[in-house]
C-alpha cells in the first residue's frame, strides 16, 4: 500500500510521541525529515562531519545523493530536530554515521526497514488505519507547505516531480480539489448558487480537527 501523509496534526503529535518512546533514533530521523523534506535515503547515509553544530542549531551544507553526487541544500536544524540530534550524539558517541550501527566491527547506516519497524509500531499504538512509512514524513512536509500557501508548482520543482498532478497525488490533496469544486457551486433549474470554497479550506478543517483518521 502507498504511504500517506498524516494530515491531522493532533494525530501526528500522538504518533511522534509514541515513536519517541520506542526509538530515539527513529524519532530523530523523523524530526529531521519534517524539518527538511529530505528523502530518508539522503539522511540515512549522513555523516556527523557533514553537520556543523552551533549553540542552538545544526547546519547541513550539502548531501550526497546516489552515485555519490553532492547536492547543496543549506538546511538549518533547530528546535525539536536539533534537540533530538544532540541527544542522539550523546547516545552513540564515536560513530561515523548519524544513524550508524556497528555489526561485526563494521559500521554501516541503519536500513530504512529498521526505521519502518518502529514507525509501524507507533502507527498501531495510536490507531492509524492507513499506510504510513518512513516516506510519510516527506509527504507531510509537502502537504503542510501547500496548506501554508506555497504554490503547488514550487513544491513540484523542489521535489523534482514531472508535473503538478504528480505532486498532488504525492501529497494526497487531490480529493480536496475535487471536493472544493463540487461544493463551490450548486446548479439547478432556477440558476446557480455560488459560494467559493477552496481546497485549502477543506484540508485545513481536517488538519485542525480534534482527531480524525484522515
N, C-alpha and C. Protein backbone atom coordinates (compact mmCIF):
# COMPACT_ATOMS: atom_id res chain seq x y z
N UNK A 1 0.83 -1.21 0.00
CA UNK A 1 0.00 0.00 0.00
C UNK A 1 0.87 1.26 0.00
N UNK A 2 0.37 2.30 -0.66
CA UNK A 2 1.11 3.56 -0.76
C UNK A 2 1.04 4.33 0.55
N UNK A 3 2.19 4.76 1.03
CA UNK A 3 2.23 5.52 2.28
C UNK A 3 1.54 6.87 2.10
N UNK A 4 0.79 7.28 3.12
CA UNK A 4 0.05 8.53 3.09
C UNK A 4 0.62 9.51 4.12
N UNK A 5 0.44 10.80 3.90
CA UNK A 5 0.84 11.76 4.93
C UNK A 5 -0.14 11.73 6.10
N UNK A 6 0.36 11.98 7.30
CA UNK A 6 -0.53 12.11 8.46
C UNK A 6 -0.99 13.56 8.49
N UNK A 7 -2.19 13.81 7.98
CA UNK A 7 -2.68 15.17 7.79
C UNK A 7 -3.13 15.79 9.10
N UNK A 8 -3.85 15.04 9.91
CA UNK A 8 -4.37 15.59 11.16
C UNK A 8 -3.24 15.84 12.15
N UNK A 9 -3.13 17.06 12.63
CA UNK A 9 -1.98 17.46 13.44
C UNK A 9 -1.98 16.83 14.83
N UNK A 10 -3.13 16.64 15.41
CA UNK A 10 -3.19 16.02 16.74
C UNK A 10 -2.84 14.53 16.65
N UNK A 11 -3.30 13.91 15.60
CA UNK A 11 -2.95 12.51 15.37
C UNK A 11 -1.45 12.38 15.12
N UNK A 12 -0.91 13.32 14.37
CA UNK A 12 0.54 13.34 14.09
C UNK A 12 1.34 13.53 15.37
N UNK A 13 0.87 14.39 16.24
CA UNK A 13 1.54 14.61 17.52
C UNK A 13 1.56 13.35 18.36
N UNK A 14 0.44 12.64 18.40
CA UNK A 14 0.37 11.38 19.15
C UNK A 14 1.33 10.35 18.55
N UNK A 15 1.39 10.33 17.24
CA UNK A 15 2.29 9.40 16.54
C UNK A 15 3.75 9.69 16.90
N UNK A 16 4.14 10.97 16.89
CA UNK A 16 5.52 11.34 17.20
C UNK A 16 5.88 11.01 18.64
N UNK A 17 4.95 11.22 19.56
CA UNK A 17 5.20 10.88 20.97
C UNK A 17 5.41 9.38 21.13
N UNK A 18 4.59 8.60 20.44
CA UNK A 18 4.73 7.15 20.50
C UNK A 18 6.06 6.71 19.90
N UNK A 19 6.41 7.28 18.77
CA UNK A 19 7.67 6.93 18.10
C UNK A 19 8.87 7.24 19.00
N UNK A 20 8.82 8.39 19.65
CA UNK A 20 9.91 8.81 20.53
C UNK A 20 10.07 7.84 21.70
N UNK A 21 8.97 7.30 22.20
CA UNK A 21 9.03 6.38 23.33
C UNK A 21 9.62 5.02 22.95
N UNK A 22 9.57 4.68 21.67
CA UNK A 22 10.07 3.38 21.21
C UNK A 22 11.50 3.43 20.66
N UNK A 23 11.86 4.53 20.01
CA UNK A 23 13.19 4.60 19.39
C UNK A 23 13.59 6.05 19.17
N UNK A 24 14.62 6.50 19.92
CA UNK A 24 15.07 7.87 19.74
C UNK A 24 15.70 8.05 18.37
N UNK A 25 16.30 7.01 17.87
CA UNK A 25 16.93 7.09 16.53
C UNK A 25 15.87 7.31 15.45
N UNK A 26 14.79 6.53 15.49
CA UNK A 26 13.71 6.69 14.51
C UNK A 26 13.02 8.04 14.67
N UNK A 27 12.89 8.48 15.92
CA UNK A 27 12.28 9.79 16.20
C UNK A 27 13.14 10.91 15.64
N UNK A 28 14.46 10.83 15.84
CA UNK A 28 15.37 11.86 15.34
C UNK A 28 15.32 11.94 13.82
N UNK A 29 15.35 10.80 13.17
CA UNK A 29 15.26 10.76 11.72
C UNK A 29 13.97 11.41 11.24
N UNK A 30 12.88 11.08 11.91
CA UNK A 30 11.58 11.65 11.55
C UNK A 30 11.56 13.16 11.71
N UNK A 31 12.09 13.66 12.82
CA UNK A 31 12.12 15.11 13.05
C UNK A 31 13.01 15.82 12.04
N UNK A 32 14.10 15.17 11.62
CA UNK A 32 14.96 15.77 10.60
C UNK A 32 14.27 15.80 9.25
N UNK A 33 13.49 14.76 8.96
CA UNK A 33 12.72 14.76 7.72
C UNK A 33 11.66 15.87 7.74
N UNK A 34 10.97 16.01 8.86
CA UNK A 34 9.93 17.03 8.98
C UNK A 34 10.51 18.43 8.94
N UNK A 35 11.76 18.58 9.32
CA UNK A 35 12.42 19.89 9.31
C UNK A 35 13.03 20.23 7.95
N UNK A 36 13.18 19.23 7.09
CA UNK A 36 13.93 19.46 5.85
C UNK A 36 13.23 18.99 4.58
N UNK A 37 12.37 17.99 4.69
CA UNK A 37 11.77 17.42 3.49
C UNK A 37 12.70 16.52 2.71
N UNK A 38 13.84 16.15 3.32
CA UNK A 38 14.80 15.30 2.63
C UNK A 38 14.30 13.86 2.56
N UNK A 39 14.78 13.14 1.56
CA UNK A 39 14.46 11.72 1.45
C UNK A 39 15.13 10.95 2.57
N UNK A 40 14.55 9.83 2.95
CA UNK A 40 15.13 9.02 4.01
C UNK A 40 16.51 8.52 3.62
N UNK A 41 16.69 8.19 2.34
CA UNK A 41 18.00 7.71 1.89
C UNK A 41 19.09 8.75 2.03
N UNK A 42 18.73 10.03 1.85
CA UNK A 42 19.70 11.12 2.00
C UNK A 42 20.16 11.27 3.44
N UNK A 43 19.25 11.00 4.38
CA UNK A 43 19.56 11.15 5.80
C UNK A 43 20.24 9.91 6.39
N UNK A 44 19.86 8.74 5.91
CA UNK A 44 20.45 7.51 6.48
C UNK A 44 21.95 7.44 6.24
N UNK A 45 22.43 7.98 5.13
CA UNK A 45 23.87 7.92 4.84
C UNK A 45 24.60 9.17 5.33
N UNK A 46 23.92 10.01 6.11
CA UNK A 46 24.52 11.24 6.61
C UNK A 46 25.60 10.95 7.65
N UNK A 47 26.74 11.64 7.52
CA UNK A 47 27.83 11.50 8.49
C UNK A 47 27.86 12.73 9.40
N UNK A 48 28.33 12.51 10.63
CA UNK A 48 28.38 13.61 11.59
C UNK A 48 29.23 14.76 11.09
N UNK A 49 30.28 14.47 10.34
CA UNK A 49 31.18 15.52 9.85
C UNK A 49 30.49 16.46 8.85
N UNK A 50 29.35 16.03 8.31
CA UNK A 50 28.62 16.89 7.38
C UNK A 50 27.80 17.95 8.11
N UNK A 51 27.62 17.79 9.41
CA UNK A 51 26.83 18.73 10.20
C UNK A 51 27.73 19.68 10.97
N UNK A 52 27.40 20.96 10.94
CA UNK A 52 28.12 21.98 11.72
C UNK A 52 27.23 22.39 12.88
N UNK A 53 27.70 22.09 14.10
CA UNK A 53 26.89 22.36 15.30
C UNK A 53 27.23 23.73 15.88
N UNK A 54 26.17 24.45 16.25
CA UNK A 54 26.30 25.71 16.97
C UNK A 54 25.54 25.55 18.29
N UNK A 55 25.35 26.63 19.02
CA UNK A 55 24.70 26.53 20.33
C UNK A 55 23.27 26.02 20.24
N UNK A 56 22.54 26.47 19.24
CA UNK A 56 21.12 26.12 19.17
C UNK A 56 20.69 25.65 17.78
N UNK A 57 21.65 25.22 16.98
CA UNK A 57 21.30 24.76 15.63
C UNK A 57 22.41 23.88 15.05
N UNK A 58 22.03 23.10 14.05
CA UNK A 58 23.00 22.31 13.30
C UNK A 58 22.78 22.60 11.82
N UNK A 59 23.85 22.89 11.12
CA UNK A 59 23.75 23.30 9.72
C UNK A 59 24.25 22.20 8.81
N UNK A 60 23.45 21.90 7.77
CA UNK A 60 23.82 20.90 6.78
C UNK A 60 24.03 21.61 5.45
N UNK A 61 25.27 21.66 5.03
CA UNK A 61 25.63 22.38 3.79
C UNK A 61 25.22 21.60 2.55
N UNK A 62 25.57 20.31 2.53
CA UNK A 62 25.29 19.51 1.34
C UNK A 62 25.03 18.05 1.72
N UNK A 63 24.36 17.37 0.82
CA UNK A 63 24.12 15.93 0.98
C UNK A 63 24.76 15.20 -0.19
N UNK A 64 24.95 13.90 -0.01
CA UNK A 64 25.49 13.08 -1.08
C UNK A 64 24.40 12.15 -1.55
N UNK A 65 23.92 12.37 -2.78
CA UNK A 65 22.86 11.54 -3.33
C UNK A 65 23.44 10.29 -3.96
N UNK A 66 22.56 9.51 -4.57
CA UNK A 66 23.00 8.30 -5.24
C UNK A 66 24.07 8.63 -6.27
N UNK A 67 24.92 7.66 -6.53
CA UNK A 67 26.05 7.81 -7.44
C UNK A 67 27.05 8.85 -6.93
N UNK A 68 27.00 9.08 -5.58
CA UNK A 68 27.95 9.96 -4.89
C UNK A 68 27.91 11.40 -5.39
N UNK A 69 26.76 11.82 -5.88
CA UNK A 69 26.61 13.18 -6.36
C UNK A 69 26.34 14.12 -5.20
N UNK A 70 27.14 15.19 -5.08
CA UNK A 70 26.95 16.15 -4.00
C UNK A 70 25.93 17.21 -4.42
N UNK A 71 24.98 17.49 -3.51
CA UNK A 71 23.92 18.46 -3.78
C UNK A 71 23.87 19.48 -2.65
N UNK A 72 23.93 20.76 -2.99
CA UNK A 72 23.84 21.82 -1.99
C UNK A 72 22.41 21.92 -1.47
N UNK A 73 22.26 21.93 -0.15
CA UNK A 73 20.91 22.02 0.44
C UNK A 73 20.79 23.21 1.40
N UNK A 74 21.81 23.49 2.19
CA UNK A 74 21.78 24.63 3.10
C UNK A 74 20.63 24.59 4.09
N UNK A 75 20.52 23.50 4.85
CA UNK A 75 19.41 23.32 5.78
C UNK A 75 19.87 23.53 7.22
N UNK A 76 19.07 24.27 7.98
CA UNK A 76 19.36 24.54 9.38
C UNK A 76 18.38 23.76 10.25
N UNK A 77 18.91 22.90 11.10
CA UNK A 77 18.07 22.13 12.02
C UNK A 77 18.03 22.87 13.35
N UNK A 78 16.82 23.23 13.76
CA UNK A 78 16.64 23.97 15.02
C UNK A 78 15.53 23.30 15.83
N UNK A 79 15.25 23.83 17.00
CA UNK A 79 14.12 23.36 17.79
C UNK A 79 14.19 21.87 18.09
N UNK A 80 13.09 21.17 17.85
CA UNK A 80 12.99 19.76 18.21
C UNK A 80 13.97 18.88 17.43
N UNK A 81 14.18 19.19 16.16
CA UNK A 81 15.11 18.38 15.36
C UNK A 81 16.53 18.52 15.88
N UNK A 82 16.90 19.72 16.29
CA UNK A 82 18.24 19.95 16.83
C UNK A 82 18.41 19.27 18.19
N UNK A 83 17.40 19.39 19.05
CA UNK A 83 17.46 18.74 20.37
C UNK A 83 17.60 17.23 20.23
N UNK A 84 16.84 16.67 19.30
CA UNK A 84 16.91 15.22 19.06
C UNK A 84 18.28 14.82 18.55
N UNK A 85 18.86 15.63 17.68
CA UNK A 85 20.21 15.35 17.15
C UNK A 85 21.26 15.37 18.25
N UNK A 86 21.19 16.38 19.11
CA UNK A 86 22.16 16.49 20.21
C UNK A 86 22.09 15.28 21.13
N UNK A 87 20.87 14.87 21.45
CA UNK A 87 20.68 13.71 22.32
C UNK A 87 21.19 12.44 21.66
N UNK A 88 20.95 12.31 20.36
CA UNK A 88 21.40 11.14 19.62
C UNK A 88 22.93 11.05 19.63
N UNK A 89 23.58 12.19 19.51
CA UNK A 89 25.05 12.22 19.51
C UNK A 89 25.61 11.76 20.85
N UNK A 90 24.90 12.09 21.94
CA UNK A 90 25.33 11.63 23.26
C UNK A 90 25.12 10.13 23.43
N UNK A 91 24.04 9.63 22.84
CA UNK A 91 23.69 8.22 22.99
C UNK A 91 24.63 7.30 22.21
N UNK A 92 25.14 7.79 21.07
CA UNK A 92 26.01 6.97 20.22
C UNK A 92 27.31 7.71 19.91
N UNK A 93 28.15 7.90 20.92
CA UNK A 93 29.40 8.64 20.71
C UNK A 93 30.38 7.83 19.86
N UNK A 94 31.14 8.55 19.05
CA UNK A 94 32.20 7.89 18.29
C UNK A 94 31.77 7.25 16.99
N UNK A 95 30.48 7.36 16.63
CA UNK A 95 30.05 6.77 15.36
C UNK A 95 30.33 7.73 14.21
N UNK A 96 30.56 7.17 13.05
CA UNK A 96 30.81 7.97 11.85
C UNK A 96 29.51 8.49 11.26
N UNK A 97 28.52 7.59 11.19
CA UNK A 97 27.23 7.95 10.63
C UNK A 97 26.28 8.44 11.72
N UNK A 98 25.44 9.40 11.36
CA UNK A 98 24.43 9.89 12.30
C UNK A 98 23.50 8.75 12.71
N UNK A 99 23.17 7.90 11.75
CA UNK A 99 22.28 6.77 12.02
C UNK A 99 23.02 5.45 11.75
N UNK A 100 24.22 5.37 12.30
CA UNK A 100 25.06 4.20 12.08
C UNK A 100 24.83 3.09 13.09
N UNK A 101 25.03 1.87 12.65
CA UNK A 101 25.01 0.71 13.53
C UNK A 101 26.27 -0.10 13.27
N UNK A 102 26.80 -0.71 14.33
CA UNK A 102 28.03 -1.48 14.20
C UNK A 102 27.71 -2.96 14.31
N UNK A 103 28.04 -3.70 13.25
CA UNK A 103 27.84 -5.14 13.22
C UNK A 103 29.13 -5.80 12.76
N UNK A 104 29.62 -6.73 13.57
CA UNK A 104 30.89 -7.43 13.27
C UNK A 104 32.03 -6.43 13.06
N UNK A 105 32.07 -5.44 13.96
CA UNK A 105 33.12 -4.40 13.97
C UNK A 105 33.10 -3.50 12.75
N UNK A 106 32.03 -3.52 11.99
CA UNK A 106 31.91 -2.66 10.82
C UNK A 106 30.68 -1.77 10.97
N UNK A 107 30.89 -0.46 10.82
CA UNK A 107 29.77 0.46 10.95
C UNK A 107 29.12 0.71 9.59
N UNK A 108 27.80 0.64 9.58
CA UNK A 108 27.02 0.92 8.38
C UNK A 108 25.79 1.73 8.77
N UNK A 109 25.21 2.47 7.83
CA UNK A 109 23.95 3.17 8.14
C UNK A 109 22.84 2.16 8.40
N UNK A 110 21.97 2.48 9.33
CA UNK A 110 20.83 1.62 9.60
C UNK A 110 19.94 1.56 8.35
N UNK A 111 19.25 0.47 8.13
CA UNK A 111 18.39 0.33 6.96
C UNK A 111 17.06 1.04 7.18
N UNK A 112 16.40 1.40 6.08
CA UNK A 112 15.08 2.03 6.22
C UNK A 112 14.07 1.04 6.80
N UNK A 113 14.32 -0.26 6.58
CA UNK A 113 13.42 -1.26 7.16
C UNK A 113 13.49 -1.23 8.69
N UNK A 114 14.72 -0.97 9.21
CA UNK A 114 14.88 -0.87 10.66
C UNK A 114 14.11 0.30 11.24
N UNK A 115 14.05 1.41 10.50
CA UNK A 115 13.28 2.57 10.93
C UNK A 115 11.79 2.29 10.82
N UNK A 116 11.39 1.68 9.71
CA UNK A 116 9.97 1.41 9.49
C UNK A 116 9.36 0.48 10.55
N UNK A 117 10.20 -0.37 11.12
CA UNK A 117 9.70 -1.28 12.16
C UNK A 117 9.12 -0.48 13.34
N UNK A 118 9.81 0.58 13.73
CA UNK A 118 9.33 1.42 14.84
C UNK A 118 8.17 2.30 14.40
N UNK A 119 8.19 2.73 13.14
CA UNK A 119 7.09 3.55 12.62
C UNK A 119 5.79 2.75 12.63
N UNK A 120 5.86 1.49 12.24
CA UNK A 120 4.67 0.65 12.23
C UNK A 120 4.17 0.39 13.64
N UNK A 121 5.10 0.29 14.59
CA UNK A 121 4.70 0.08 15.98
C UNK A 121 3.94 1.30 16.51
N UNK A 122 4.47 2.49 16.20
CA UNK A 122 3.81 3.73 16.64
C UNK A 122 2.46 3.89 15.94
N UNK A 123 2.40 3.56 14.66
CA UNK A 123 1.16 3.61 13.88
C UNK A 123 0.08 2.76 14.54
N UNK A 124 0.45 1.55 14.91
CA UNK A 124 -0.51 0.64 15.54
C UNK A 124 -0.93 1.16 16.91
N UNK A 125 0.00 1.71 17.64
CA UNK A 125 -0.27 2.16 19.01
C UNK A 125 -1.27 3.31 19.06
N UNK A 126 -1.20 4.22 18.09
CA UNK A 126 -2.10 5.39 18.11
C UNK A 126 -3.34 5.16 17.25
N UNK A 127 -3.43 3.99 16.60
CA UNK A 127 -4.65 3.65 15.87
C UNK A 127 -4.77 4.22 14.47
N UNK A 128 -3.65 4.47 13.79
CA UNK A 128 -3.70 4.93 12.40
C UNK A 128 -4.08 3.76 11.51
N UNK A 129 -5.08 3.96 10.68
CA UNK A 129 -5.61 2.86 9.88
C UNK A 129 -5.11 2.85 8.44
N UNK A 130 -4.49 3.93 7.99
CA UNK A 130 -3.96 3.98 6.63
C UNK A 130 -2.46 3.68 6.66
N UNK A 131 -1.89 3.49 5.49
CA UNK A 131 -0.48 3.10 5.40
C UNK A 131 0.46 4.28 5.69
N UNK A 132 1.42 4.05 6.57
CA UNK A 132 2.47 5.03 6.81
C UNK A 132 3.82 4.31 6.77
N UNK A 133 4.85 5.07 6.45
CA UNK A 133 6.20 4.52 6.40
C UNK A 133 7.18 5.67 6.61
N UNK A 134 8.46 5.40 6.48
CA UNK A 134 9.47 6.45 6.62
C UNK A 134 9.35 7.48 5.51
N UNK A 135 8.58 7.18 4.47
CA UNK A 135 8.37 8.14 3.38
C UNK A 135 7.23 9.10 3.68
N UNK A 136 6.41 8.75 4.69
CA UNK A 136 5.27 9.57 5.07
C UNK A 136 5.69 10.99 5.44
N UNK A 137 6.81 11.12 6.15
CA UNK A 137 7.22 12.42 6.68
C UNK A 137 7.49 13.44 5.58
N UNK A 138 8.10 12.99 4.49
CA UNK A 138 8.37 13.90 3.37
C UNK A 138 7.06 14.38 2.73
N UNK A 139 6.07 13.51 2.74
CA UNK A 139 4.76 13.89 2.21
C UNK A 139 4.07 14.89 3.13
N UNK A 140 4.28 14.72 4.43
CA UNK A 140 3.72 15.67 5.40
C UNK A 140 4.28 17.07 5.15
N UNK A 141 5.57 17.16 4.88
CA UNK A 141 6.21 18.46 4.64
C UNK A 141 5.57 19.14 3.43
N UNK A 142 5.41 18.40 2.33
CA UNK A 142 4.82 18.99 1.13
C UNK A 142 3.38 19.43 1.39
N UNK A 143 2.62 18.62 2.14
CA UNK A 143 1.23 18.97 2.44
C UNK A 143 1.15 20.22 3.29
N UNK A 144 1.98 20.32 4.33
CA UNK A 144 1.95 21.49 5.22
C UNK A 144 2.42 22.75 4.49
N UNK A 145 3.38 22.61 3.57
CA UNK A 145 3.84 23.76 2.77
C UNK A 145 2.69 24.27 1.90
N UNK A 146 1.96 23.33 1.28
CA UNK A 146 0.82 23.71 0.46
C UNK A 146 -0.27 24.36 1.32
N UNK A 147 -0.53 23.79 2.49
CA UNK A 147 -1.55 24.33 3.38
C UNK A 147 -1.19 25.75 3.83
N UNK A 148 0.10 26.02 3.97
CA UNK A 148 0.57 27.34 4.40
C UNK A 148 0.50 28.37 3.28
N UNK A 149 0.23 27.90 2.05
CA UNK A 149 0.09 28.84 0.94
C UNK A 149 1.10 28.69 -0.18
N UNK A 150 2.06 27.76 -0.04
CA UNK A 150 3.04 27.58 -1.09
C UNK A 150 2.38 27.07 -2.36
N UNK A 151 2.80 27.61 -3.49
CA UNK A 151 2.24 27.19 -4.77
C UNK A 151 2.64 25.75 -5.08
N UNK A 152 1.68 25.00 -5.62
CA UNK A 152 1.95 23.59 -5.95
C UNK A 152 3.09 23.45 -6.96
N UNK A 153 3.23 24.43 -7.83
CA UNK A 153 4.31 24.40 -8.82
C UNK A 153 5.67 24.48 -8.13
N UNK A 154 5.77 25.29 -7.07
CA UNK A 154 7.02 25.41 -6.34
C UNK A 154 7.37 24.10 -5.62
N UNK A 155 6.35 23.44 -5.08
CA UNK A 155 6.57 22.14 -4.43
C UNK A 155 7.00 21.12 -5.47
N UNK A 156 6.39 21.16 -6.64
CA UNK A 156 6.77 20.26 -7.72
C UNK A 156 8.24 20.41 -8.08
N UNK A 157 8.69 21.66 -8.19
CA UNK A 157 10.10 21.93 -8.54
C UNK A 157 11.03 21.45 -7.43
N UNK A 158 10.67 21.74 -6.18
CA UNK A 158 11.51 21.33 -5.05
C UNK A 158 11.65 19.83 -4.95
N UNK A 159 10.57 19.13 -5.25
CA UNK A 159 10.57 17.66 -5.14
C UNK A 159 10.91 16.97 -6.46
N UNK A 160 11.16 17.78 -7.48
CA UNK A 160 11.57 17.29 -8.80
C UNK A 160 10.56 16.30 -9.39
N UNK A 161 9.27 16.65 -9.26
CA UNK A 161 8.22 15.87 -9.88
C UNK A 161 8.07 16.30 -11.34
N UNK A 162 7.54 15.42 -12.17
CA UNK A 162 7.44 15.72 -13.60
C UNK A 162 6.30 16.69 -13.92
N UNK A 163 5.27 16.72 -13.08
CA UNK A 163 4.14 17.64 -13.30
C UNK A 163 3.40 17.87 -11.98
N UNK A 164 2.49 18.85 -12.01
CA UNK A 164 1.76 19.21 -10.80
C UNK A 164 0.82 18.09 -10.34
N UNK A 165 0.26 17.36 -11.29
CA UNK A 165 -0.64 16.27 -10.92
C UNK A 165 0.09 15.21 -10.09
N UNK A 166 1.33 14.96 -10.44
CA UNK A 166 2.13 14.02 -9.65
C UNK A 166 2.33 14.54 -8.24
N UNK A 167 2.53 15.85 -8.11
CA UNK A 167 2.71 16.46 -6.79
C UNK A 167 1.44 16.37 -5.97
N UNK A 168 0.30 16.61 -6.60
CA UNK A 168 -0.98 16.50 -5.89
C UNK A 168 -1.23 15.07 -5.43
N UNK A 169 -0.93 14.12 -6.29
CA UNK A 169 -1.09 12.72 -5.92
C UNK A 169 -0.15 12.36 -4.77
N UNK A 170 1.06 12.91 -4.82
CA UNK A 170 2.08 12.61 -3.81
C UNK A 170 1.65 13.09 -2.43
N UNK A 171 1.11 14.31 -2.35
CA UNK A 171 0.77 14.84 -1.03
C UNK A 171 -0.70 14.64 -0.67
N UNK A 172 -1.41 13.86 -1.50
CA UNK A 172 -2.79 13.45 -1.20
C UNK A 172 -3.74 14.61 -1.02
N UNK A 173 -3.62 15.65 -1.84
CA UNK A 173 -4.57 16.76 -1.75
C UNK A 173 -5.54 16.81 -2.91
N UNK A 174 -5.48 15.80 -3.80
CA UNK A 174 -6.38 15.78 -4.95
C UNK A 174 -7.84 15.79 -4.53
N UNK A 175 -8.14 15.03 -3.45
CA UNK A 175 -9.54 14.92 -3.02
C UNK A 175 -10.10 16.28 -2.60
N UNK A 176 -9.23 17.13 -2.03
CA UNK A 176 -9.69 18.45 -1.60
C UNK A 176 -10.01 19.35 -2.79
N UNK A 177 -9.26 19.20 -3.87
CA UNK A 177 -9.56 19.95 -5.09
C UNK A 177 -10.90 19.51 -5.67
N UNK A 178 -11.15 18.21 -5.68
CA UNK A 178 -12.42 17.70 -6.21
C UNK A 178 -13.59 18.13 -5.33
N UNK A 179 -13.42 18.03 -4.01
CA UNK A 179 -14.49 18.41 -3.09
C UNK A 179 -14.80 19.91 -3.18
N UNK A 180 -13.75 20.72 -3.31
CA UNK A 180 -13.94 22.17 -3.39
C UNK A 180 -14.74 22.55 -4.63
N UNK A 181 -14.46 21.91 -5.74
CA UNK A 181 -15.20 22.21 -6.97
C UNK A 181 -16.67 21.80 -6.83
N UNK A 182 -16.89 20.65 -6.20
CA UNK A 182 -18.27 20.16 -6.04
C UNK A 182 -19.08 21.03 -5.09
N UNK A 183 -18.42 21.59 -4.08
CA UNK A 183 -19.14 22.35 -3.05
C UNK A 183 -19.24 23.84 -3.35
N UNK A 184 -18.49 24.33 -4.30
CA UNK A 184 -18.45 25.77 -4.56
C UNK A 184 -19.65 26.27 -5.35
N UNK A 185 -20.28 25.39 -6.13
CA UNK A 185 -21.44 25.80 -6.92
C UNK A 185 -22.55 24.77 -6.81
N UNK A 186 -23.79 25.26 -6.85
CA UNK A 186 -24.97 24.40 -6.90
C UNK A 186 -25.79 24.83 -8.11
N UNK A 187 -25.87 23.96 -9.10
CA UNK A 187 -26.52 24.30 -10.37
C UNK A 187 -27.88 23.60 -10.45
N UNK A 188 -28.92 24.39 -10.66
CA UNK A 188 -30.27 23.83 -10.74
C UNK A 188 -31.11 24.53 -11.79
N UNK A 189 -32.40 24.18 -11.82
CA UNK A 189 -33.32 24.76 -12.80
C UNK A 189 -33.42 26.27 -12.64
N UNK A 190 -33.40 26.71 -11.39
CA UNK A 190 -33.60 28.14 -11.12
C UNK A 190 -32.31 28.96 -11.22
N UNK A 191 -31.20 28.31 -11.57
CA UNK A 191 -29.97 29.06 -11.71
C UNK A 191 -28.81 28.45 -10.95
N UNK A 192 -27.90 29.30 -10.57
CA UNK A 192 -26.67 28.85 -9.92
C UNK A 192 -26.47 29.58 -8.60
N UNK A 193 -26.17 28.80 -7.57
CA UNK A 193 -25.76 29.38 -6.29
C UNK A 193 -24.28 29.11 -6.13
N UNK A 194 -23.53 30.18 -5.92
CA UNK A 194 -22.07 30.04 -5.84
C UNK A 194 -21.56 30.52 -4.49
N UNK A 195 -20.72 29.72 -3.90
CA UNK A 195 -20.04 30.09 -2.65
C UNK A 195 -18.67 29.44 -2.70
N UNK A 196 -17.68 30.24 -3.00
CA UNK A 196 -16.34 29.69 -3.24
C UNK A 196 -15.75 29.04 -1.99
N UNK A 197 -15.41 27.79 -2.13
CA UNK A 197 -14.69 27.05 -1.09
C UNK A 197 -13.39 26.54 -1.71
N UNK A 198 -12.28 26.81 -1.08
CA UNK A 198 -11.00 26.38 -1.65
C UNK A 198 -10.59 25.02 -1.10
N UNK A 199 -9.72 24.36 -1.84
CA UNK A 199 -9.18 23.07 -1.40
C UNK A 199 -8.46 23.23 -0.05
N UNK A 200 -7.77 24.34 0.13
CA UNK A 200 -7.06 24.58 1.40
C UNK A 200 -8.03 24.73 2.56
N UNK A 201 -9.19 25.36 2.33
CA UNK A 201 -10.20 25.49 3.39
C UNK A 201 -10.61 24.12 3.91
N UNK A 202 -10.86 23.20 2.99
CA UNK A 202 -11.30 21.86 3.37
C UNK A 202 -10.18 21.07 4.04
N UNK A 203 -8.98 21.20 3.50
CA UNK A 203 -7.83 20.49 4.07
C UNK A 203 -7.51 20.99 5.46
N UNK A 204 -7.66 22.30 5.67
CA UNK A 204 -7.35 22.87 6.98
C UNK A 204 -8.30 22.34 8.06
N UNK A 205 -9.55 22.11 7.70
CA UNK A 205 -10.51 21.54 8.66
C UNK A 205 -10.07 20.16 9.12
N UNK A 206 -9.61 19.35 8.17
CA UNK A 206 -9.13 18.01 8.53
C UNK A 206 -7.85 18.09 9.36
N UNK A 207 -6.97 19.03 9.01
CA UNK A 207 -5.69 19.15 9.73
C UNK A 207 -5.90 19.60 11.17
N UNK A 208 -6.91 20.43 11.39
CA UNK A 208 -7.11 21.03 12.72
C UNK A 208 -8.24 20.36 13.51
N UNK A 209 -8.83 19.30 12.97
CA UNK A 209 -9.92 18.61 13.66
C UNK A 209 -9.41 18.03 14.98
N UNK A 210 -10.35 17.81 15.91
CA UNK A 210 -9.98 17.30 17.23
C UNK A 210 -9.12 16.05 17.12
N UNK A 211 -9.58 15.08 16.37
CA UNK A 211 -8.74 13.94 16.00
C UNK A 211 -9.52 13.10 15.02
N UNK A 212 -8.99 13.00 13.82
CA UNK A 212 -9.71 12.32 12.75
C UNK A 212 -8.73 11.48 11.94
N UNK A 213 -9.12 10.28 11.57
CA UNK A 213 -8.24 9.41 10.80
C UNK A 213 -8.29 9.80 9.32
N UNK A 214 -7.63 10.91 8.96
CA UNK A 214 -7.64 11.38 7.58
C UNK A 214 -6.30 11.11 6.94
